[in-house]
């Protein structure tokens, strides 16, 4: 049986710092960027935390009559978590 080894090895994958988010304003210029050099484990842990709280806030937004106050916070947390995952994906894919 052949063992599948990721290339590059997962332990060496770090964020590239190329994915931006927070495209706002007239020209949709990004306000934020993922920082380069974050190890994959720490980056995924952070993304997981962002998405966890986004999920919680989205549920509050859906269930609470005053839920609108949570919707934008959930949106921004999702955007941040997605940016981290997208940046790591670029680092792991050969075409990245």
Foldseek 3Di string as FASTA:
>chain_A
DDDDAAVVHLQPQWFQFPFFDDQDDDVRDGPGIDDTDHRPVVLLVQLVVLQVVLVVLVVQLVPPPPSVVSNVSSVVSNRVSVRSVVRSVVRRDPVD
